[in-house]
Amino acid sequence: MSSERACMLCGIVLSANEFSNGGCPNCQSIFEEAGVSAIECTSPSFEGLVGMCKPGKSWVAKWLAVDRYIPGMYAVKVDGRLPVEVIDLLPYYKPRDGSQVE
């Protein structure tokens, strides 16, 4: 059984322990401002993995909207919904579960 989880905001995939101990390396300040833990903003249900070595130079990273984040493994789709406290802080939020119609 895998303990990997994906952040519902940025899509980075880490172990549950890494999220519990260090938070999300991309989104932790937002989660702290919202008063929620990083683990509440992650999901064990995700699809597809893309490895990003140089997100700033990758068209795939830009397509996934992770080109400004740290290198790592990112999920293509993450099931779940962020807590409303986090969504309220964001000027624009596009769910990573594919539910938003453009």
Protein backbone atom coordinates (compact mmCIF):
# COMPACT_ATOMS: atom_id res chain seq x y z
CA MET A 1 0.00 0.00 0.00
CA SER A 2 1.38 3.36 -1.04
CA SER A 3 1.54 6.26 1.38
CA GLU A 4 2.04 8.80 -1.39
CA ARG A 5 -0.26 11.79 -1.51
CA ALA A 6 -0.64 14.72 -3.89
CA CYS A 7 -1.19 18.33 -2.90
CA MET A 8 -4.62 19.45 -4.13
CA LEU A 9 -3.30 22.95 -4.83
CA CYS A 10 0.01 22.41 -6.65
CA GLY A 11 -0.05 18.66 -7.39
CA ILE A 12 3.36 17.76 -5.95
CA VAL A 13 3.53 14.11 -4.85
CA LEU A 14 5.25 13.29 -1.56
CA SER A 15 4.83 10.71 1.17
CA ALA A 16 2.24 11.31 3.88
CA ASN A 17 5.11 11.64 6.37
CA GLU A 18 6.78 14.36 4.29
CA PHE A 19 3.54 16.36 4.16
CA SER A 20 2.93 15.83 7.90
CA ASN A 21 6.47 16.75 8.93
CA GLY A 22 7.41 19.50 6.50
CA GLY A 23 4.21 20.57 4.80
CA CYS A 24 3.97 21.29 1.10
CA PRO A 25 7.17 22.85 -0.26
CA ASN A 26 5.15 25.02 -2.66
CA CYS A 27 1.97 25.88 -0.76
CA GLN A 28 2.73 25.74 2.97
CA SER A 29 2.49 29.51 3.54
CA ILE A 30 -1.03 29.53 2.08
CA PHE A 31 -2.08 26.58 4.26
CA GLU A 32 -0.67 28.25 7.37
CA GLU A 33 -2.46 31.52 6.55
CA ALA A 34 -5.71 29.56 6.14
CA GLY A 35 -5.12 27.75 9.45
CA VAL A 36 -5.19 24.24 7.99
CA SER A 37 -2.62 21.45 7.97
CA ALA A 38 -0.90 20.38 4.78
CA ILE A 39 -2.23 16.82 5.13
CA GLU A 40 -5.82 18.22 4.95
CA CYS A 41 -4.92 19.68 1.56
CA THR A 42 -3.60 16.46 0.06
CA SER A 43 -5.23 13.42 -1.47
CA PRO A 44 -4.17 9.79 -1.78
CA SER A 45 -6.20 9.63 -5.02
CA PHE A 46 -4.37 11.00 -8.04
CA GLU A 47 -3.61 10.06 -11.64
CA GLY A 48 -0.50 10.35 -13.77
CA LEU A 49 2.96 11.38 -12.67
CA VAL A 50 5.28 13.83 -14.37
CA GLY A 51 8.86 14.35 -13.19
CA MET A 52 10.00 17.96 -13.33
CA CYS A 53 13.74 18.64 -13.26
CA LYS A 54 13.56 22.19 -14.62
CA PRO A 55 9.95 23.32 -14.28
CA GLY A 56 10.71 26.84 -15.49
CA LYS A 57 11.92 25.52 -18.86
CA SER A 58 9.30 22.82 -19.41
CA TRP A 59 6.21 23.25 -21.60
CA VAL A 60 4.61 20.34 -19.70
CA ALA A 61 5.20 22.17 -16.41
CA LYS A 62 3.59 25.27 -17.90
CA TRP A 63 0.63 23.21 -19.15
CA LEU A 64 0.20 21.71 -15.65
CA ALA A 65 0.67 25.19 -14.11
CA VAL A 66 3.65 24.03 -12.02
CA ASP A 67 6.37 25.97 -13.88
CA ARG A 68 6.96 28.25 -10.86
CA TYR A 69 7.27 25.43 -8.35
CA ILE A 70 10.21 23.35 -7.14
CA PRO A 71 11.48 20.35 -9.13
CA GLY A 72 9.80 17.08 -8.22
CA MET A 73 7.08 14.61 -9.13
CA TYR A 74 3.69 16.13 -9.94
CA ALA A 75 0.30 14.50 -10.41
CA VAL A 76 -1.60 15.27 -13.61
CA LYS A 77 -4.98 15.00 -11.85
CA VAL A 78 -5.71 15.08 -8.09
CA ASP A 79 -9.08 13.99 -6.69
CA GLY A 80 -10.56 15.94 -3.81
CA ARG A 81 -11.48 19.44 -2.75
CA LEU A 82 -9.41 21.96 -0.85
CA PRO A 83 -10.81 23.30 2.42
CA VAL A 84 -12.92 26.43 1.86
CA GLU A 85 -10.51 28.40 4.09
CA VAL A 86 -7.77 27.88 1.49
CA ILE A 87 -9.98 28.60 -1.54
CA ASP A 88 -11.14 31.87 0.05
CA LEU A 89 -7.52 33.11 0.15
CA LEU A 90 -6.88 32.48 -3.54
CA PRO A 91 -7.68 35.13 -6.16
CA TYR A 92 -8.08 32.35 -8.74
CA TYR A 93 -8.45 28.63 -8.15
CA LYS A 94 -8.62 25.89 -10.75
CA PRO A 95 -9.33 22.49 -9.18
CA ARG A 96 -6.78 19.81 -10.12
CA ASP A 97 -9.50 17.17 -10.37
CA GLY A 98 -10.64 18.34 -13.80
CA SER A 99 -14.07 19.45 -12.58
CA GLN A 100 -13.76 23.06 -13.78
CA VAL A 101 -15.05 23.62 -17.29
CA GLU A 102 -13.18 26.26 -19.25
